């Protein structure tokens, strides 16, 4: 699984002019699922989202996690994170999981985060969404469960 995460002061997602998910301080995560991803990948990514220390403490150091700050997560499915634009002018998405594989793993990731006591707002799977992100810092990171060292 891949994610682009941003530390936010607020974020929301709108579908057909209706806000379907919104948070205050926390993380906005654009989530992509690959064809070989499993629940283990969803667990790894959920742990990273909750425990990664990217929020500032009183001294201004990045020492606090989402769990420490009691922040929320806005999770948005985004198959385009597996787009390949190395050749040609139109990206290929053959490296993205099919929706019937991706949707249950995306849902499992959100479930794992909720189990840790974090409020999770979501976009709408397979919908055209407008995402508003107020990036705080700015802090933006890329996470990939398959690129472990």
C-alpha atoms as a PDB file:
ATOM      1  CA  UNK A   1       0.000   0.000   0.000  1.00  0.00           C
ATOM      2  CA  UNK A   2       1.110   3.520  -0.696  1.00  0.00           C
ATOM      3  CA  UNK A   3       0.144   6.748   0.978  1.00  0.00           C
ATOM      4  CA  UNK A   4       0.868  10.414   0.587  1.00  0.00           C
ATOM      5  CA  UNK A   5       0.306  11.886   4.019  1.00  0.00           C
ATOM      6  CA  UNK A   6       0.069  15.504   4.989  1.00  0.00           C
ATOM      7  CA  UNK A   7      -0.032  17.013   8.428  1.00  0.00           C
ATOM      8  CA  UNK A   8      -3.066  19.293   8.346  1.00  0.00           C
ATOM      9  CA  UNK A   9      -4.786  21.911  10.445  1.00  0.00           C
ATOM     10  CA  UNK A  10      -7.976  20.918   8.623  1.00  0.00           C
ATOM     11  CA  UNK A  11      -9.067  18.910   5.587  1.00  0.00           C
ATOM     12  CA  UNK A  12     -12.290  17.936   3.872  1.00  0.00           C
ATOM     13  CA  UNK A  13     -13.551  15.952   0.918  1.00  0.00           C
ATOM     14  CA  UNK A  14     -16.620  16.793  -1.140  1.00  0.00           C
ATOM     15  CA  UNK A  15     -18.593  14.578  -3.531  1.00  0.00           C
ATOM     16  CA  UNK A  16     -21.368  16.077  -5.678  1.00  0.00           C
ATOM     17  CA  UNK A  17     -21.249  19.334  -3.675  1.00  0.00           C
ATOM     18  CA  UNK A  18     -21.737  17.435  -0.379  1.00  0.00           C
ATOM     19  CA  UNK A  19     -19.004  17.286   2.262  1.00  0.00           C
ATOM     20  CA  UNK A  20     -18.643  13.565   2.962  1.00  0.00           C
ATOM     21  CA  UNK A  21     -15.653  13.766   5.306  1.00  0.00           C
ATOM     22  CA  UNK A  22     -13.934  16.519   7.282  1.00  0.00           C
ATOM     23  CA  UNK A  23     -11.398  16.783  10.089  1.00  0.00           C
ATOM     24  CA  UNK A  24      -9.645  19.414  12.136  1.00  0.00           C
ATOM     25  CA  UNK A  25      -5.995  18.919  13.117  1.00  0.00           C
ATOM     26  CA  UNK A  26      -4.477  15.602  12.098  1.00  0.00           C
ATOM     27  CA  UNK A  27      -3.462  13.806   8.920  1.00  0.00           C
ATOM     28  CA  UNK A  28      -4.860  13.654   5.430  1.00  0.00           C
ATOM     29  CA  UNK A  29      -3.828  10.416   3.739  1.00  0.00           C
ATOM     30  CA  UNK A  30      -4.230   9.631   0.053  1.00  0.00           C
ATOM     31  CA  UNK A  31      -4.210   5.817  -0.034  1.00  0.00           C
ATOM     32  CA  UNK A  32      -3.362   3.556  -2.955  1.00  0.00           C
ATOM     33  CA  UNK A  33      -3.636  -0.235  -2.981  1.00  0.00           C
ATOM     34  CA  UNK A  34      -1.461  -2.495  -5.105  1.00  0.00           C
ATOM     35  CA  UNK A  35      -2.512  -5.884  -6.507  1.00  0.00           C
ATOM     36  CA  UNK A  36      -0.234  -7.831  -4.126  1.00  0.00           C
ATOM     37  CA  UNK A  37      -1.223  -5.930  -0.981  1.00  0.00           C
ATOM     38  CA  UNK A  38      -2.694  -7.820   1.955  1.00  0.00           C
ATOM     39  CA  UNK A  39      -4.094  -7.103   5.407  1.00  0.00           C
ATOM     40  CA  UNK A  40      -0.480  -7.089   6.633  1.00  0.00           C
ATOM     41  CA  UNK A  41       0.166  -4.048   4.421  1.00  0.00           C
ATOM     42  CA  UNK A  42      -2.973  -2.360   5.768  1.00  0.00           C
ATOM     43  CA  UNK A  43      -1.822  -3.072   9.333  1.00  0.00           C
ATOM     44  CA  UNK A  44       1.683  -1.718   8.651  1.00  0.00           C
ATOM     45  CA  UNK A  45       0.305   1.476   7.116  1.00  0.00           C
ATOM     46  CA  UNK A  46      -2.252   1.961   9.905  1.00  0.00           C
ATOM     47  CA  UNK A  47       0.518   1.642  12.497  1.00  0.00           C
ATOM     48  CA  UNK A  48       2.613   4.233  10.644  1.00  0.00           C
ATOM     49  CA  UNK A  49      -0.294   6.657  10.337  1.00  0.00           C
ATOM     50  CA  UNK A  50      -1.091   6.478  14.035  1.00  0.00           C
ATOM     51  CA  UNK A  51       2.426   6.294  15.497  1.00  0.00           C
ATOM     52  CA  UNK A  52       4.653   8.329  13.143  1.00  0.00           C
ATOM     53  CA  UNK A  53       6.083  11.245  15.122  1.00  0.00           C
ATOM     54  CA  UNK A  54       5.515  14.222  12.812  1.00  0.00           C
ATOM     55  CA  UNK A  55       3.674  16.632  15.110  1.00  0.00           C
ATOM     56  CA  UNK A  56       5.560  19.263  17.061  1.00  0.00           C
ATOM     57  CA  UNK A  57       5.975  19.153  20.822  1.00  0.00           C
ATOM     58  CA  UNK A  58       6.222  22.235  23.067  1.00  0.00           C
ATOM     59  CA  UNK A  59       9.870  22.691  22.013  1.00  0.00           C
ATOM     60  CA  UNK A  60       8.972  22.719  18.306  1.00  0.00           C
ATOM     61  CA  UNK A  61      10.479  19.264  17.638  1.00  0.00           C
ATOM     62  CA  UNK A  62       8.653  16.573  15.677  1.00  0.00           C
ATOM     63  CA  UNK A  63       8.201  14.231  18.644  1.00  0.00           C
ATOM     64  CA  UNK A  64       4.443  13.623  18.774  1.00  0.00           C
ATOM     65  CA  UNK A  65       2.250  11.171  16.884  1.00  0.00           C
ATOM     66  CA  UNK A  66      -1.351  11.333  15.761  1.00  0.00           C
ATOM     67  CA  UNK A  67      -2.214   9.245  18.821  1.00  0.00           C
ATOM     68  CA  UNK A  68      -0.324  11.641  21.114  1.00  0.00           C
ATOM     69  CA  UNK A  69      -2.093  14.717  19.733  1.00  0.00           C
ATOM     70  CA  UNK A  70      -5.547  13.103  19.613  1.00  0.00           C
ATOM     71  CA  UNK A  71      -5.760  14.218  15.993  1.00  0.00           C
ATOM     72  CA  UNK A  72      -7.991  12.735  13.306  1.00  0.00           C
ATOM     73  CA  UNK A  73      -7.371  11.053   9.966  1.00  0.00           C
ATOM     74  CA  UNK A  74      -9.003  11.883   6.648  1.00  0.00           C
ATOM     75  CA  UNK A  75      -8.475   8.799   4.456  1.00  0.00           C
ATOM     76  CA  UNK A  76      -9.038   9.104   0.718  1.00  0.00           C
ATOM     77  CA  UNK A  77      -8.661   6.218  -1.707  1.00  0.00           C
ATOM     78  CA  UNK A  78      -6.507   7.122  -4.688  1.00  0.00           C
ATOM     79  CA  UNK A  79      -5.595   4.466  -7.238  1.00  0.00           C
ATOM     80  CA  UNK A  80      -3.518   7.005  -9.167  1.00  0.00           C
ATOM     81  CA  UNK A  81      -0.723   6.562  -6.604  1.00  0.00           C
ATOM     82  CA  UNK A  82       0.106   3.437  -8.601  1.00  0.00           C
ATOM     83  CA  UNK A  83       0.154   5.315 -11.900  1.00  0.00           C
ATOM     84  CA  UNK A  84       3.197   4.825 -14.111  1.00  0.00           C
ATOM     85  CA  UNK A  85       4.086   7.837 -16.248  1.00  0.00           C
ATOM     86  CA  UNK A  86       7.646   6.872 -17.163  1.00  0.00           C
ATOM     87  CA  UNK A  87       6.833   6.444 -20.840  1.00  0.00           C
ATOM     88  CA  UNK A  88       4.382   8.138 -23.158  1.00  0.00           C
ATOM     89  CA  UNK A  89       2.118  10.986 -22.192  1.00  0.00           C
ATOM     90  CA  UNK A  90      -0.737   9.096 -20.554  1.00  0.00           C
ATOM     91  CA  UNK A  91      -0.132   7.234 -17.286  1.00  0.00           C
ATOM     92  CA  UNK A  92      -0.810   3.538 -17.006  1.00  0.00           C
ATOM     93  CA  UNK A  93      -2.691   2.246 -13.972  1.00  0.00           C
ATOM     94  CA  UNK A  94      -2.127  -1.487 -14.432  1.00  0.00           C
ATOM     95  CA  UNK A  95      -0.109  -1.571 -11.191  1.00  0.00           C
ATOM     96  CA  UNK A  96      -3.153  -0.516  -9.126  1.00  0.00           C
ATOM     97  CA  UNK A  97      -5.323  -3.175  -7.488  1.00  0.00           C
ATOM     98  CA  UNK A  98      -8.731  -3.845  -9.009  1.00  0.00           C
ATOM     99  CA  UNK A  99     -11.571  -2.177  -7.065  1.00  0.00           C
ATOM    100  CA  UNK A 100     -12.827  -5.494  -5.656  1.00  0.00           C
ATOM    101  CA  UNK A 101      -9.379  -6.007  -4.072  1.00  0.00           C
ATOM    102  CA  UNK A 102      -8.634  -2.384  -3.188  1.00  0.00           C
ATOM    103  CA  UNK A 103     -11.894  -1.426  -1.481  1.00  0.00           C
ATOM    104  CA  UNK A 104     -11.817  -4.115   1.243  1.00  0.00           C
ATOM    105  CA  UNK A 105      -8.153  -3.347   2.039  1.00  0.00           C
ATOM    106  CA  UNK A 106      -8.827   0.384   2.165  1.00  0.00           C
ATOM    107  CA  UNK A 107     -11.765  -0.320   4.519  1.00  0.00           C
ATOM    108  CA  UNK A 108      -9.570  -2.608   6.647  1.00  0.00           C
ATOM    109  CA  UNK A 109      -6.937   0.126   6.957  1.00  0.00           C
ATOM    110  CA  UNK A 110      -9.586   2.570   8.218  1.00  0.00           C
ATOM    111  CA  UNK A 111     -10.860  -0.081  10.640  1.00  0.00           C
ATOM    112  CA  UNK A 112      -7.346  -0.701  12.013  1.00  0.00           C
ATOM    113  CA  UNK A 113      -6.863   3.051  12.618  1.00  0.00           C
ATOM    114  CA  UNK A 114     -10.245   3.322  14.365  1.00  0.00           C
ATOM    115  CA  UNK A 115      -9.322   0.368  16.596  1.00  0.00           C
ATOM    116  CA  UNK A 116      -6.472   2.539  17.907  1.00  0.00           C
ATOM    117  CA  UNK A 117      -8.957   5.169  19.062  1.00  0.00           C
ATOM    118  CA  UNK A 118      -8.417   7.617  16.194  1.00  0.00           C
ATOM    119  CA  UNK A 119     -11.340   9.396  14.551  1.00  0.00           C
ATOM    120  CA  UNK A 120     -11.387   8.559  10.849  1.00  0.00           C
ATOM    121  CA  UNK A 121     -13.277  10.495   8.189  1.00  0.00           C
ATOM    122  CA  UNK A 122     -13.332   9.090   4.676  1.00  0.00           C
ATOM    123  CA  UNK A 123     -13.809  10.037   1.094  1.00  0.00           C
ATOM    124  CA  UNK A 124     -16.085   7.948  -1.097  1.00  0.00           C
ATOM    125  CA  UNK A 125     -14.492   4.987  -2.843  1.00  0.00           C
ATOM    126  CA  UNK A 126     -14.497   5.301  -6.678  1.00  0.00           C
ATOM    127  CA  UNK A 127     -16.127   8.742  -6.608  1.00  0.00           C
ATOM    128  CA  UNK A 128     -14.853  11.947  -8.146  1.00  0.00           C
ATOM    129  CA  UNK A 129     -13.845  13.979  -5.106  1.00  0.00           C
ATOM    130  CA  UNK A 130     -12.728  17.512  -4.372  1.00  0.00           C
ATOM    131  CA  UNK A 131     -10.185  17.528  -1.549  1.00  0.00           C
ATOM    132  CA  UNK A 132      -9.352  20.608   0.503  1.00  0.00           C
ATOM    133  CA  UNK A 133      -6.169  20.366   2.518  1.00  0.00           C
ATOM    134  CA  UNK A 134      -4.706  22.998   4.811  1.00  0.00           C
ATOM    135  CA  UNK A 135      -1.181  21.569   5.038  1.00  0.00           C
ATOM    136  CA  UNK A 136       0.473  22.406   8.349  1.00  0.00           C
ATOM    137  CA  UNK A 137       4.202  22.988   8.222  1.00  0.00           C
ATOM    138  CA  UNK A 138       4.122  21.995   5.416  1.00  0.00           C
ATOM    139  CA  UNK A 139       4.790  18.362   6.223  1.00  0.00           C
ATOM    140  CA  UNK A 140       4.238  15.820   3.435  1.00  0.00           C
ATOM    141  CA  UNK A 141       5.580  12.249   3.405  1.00  0.00           C
ATOM    142  CA  UNK A 142       5.412   9.240   1.131  1.00  0.00           C
ATOM    143  CA  UNK A 143       4.868   5.811   2.690  1.00  0.00           C
ATOM    144  CA  UNK A 144       5.056   2.476   0.886  1.00  0.00           C
ATOM    145  CA  UNK A 145       4.570  -0.855   2.639  1.00  0.00           C
ATOM    146  CA  UNK A 146       6.583  -2.665  -0.045  1.00  0.00           C
ATOM    147  CA  UNK A 147       9.669  -0.456   0.262  1.00  0.00           C
ATOM    148  CA  UNK A 148      10.840  -1.657   3.631  1.00  0.00           C
ATOM    149  CA  UNK A 149      14.533  -1.761   4.468  1.00  0.00           C
END
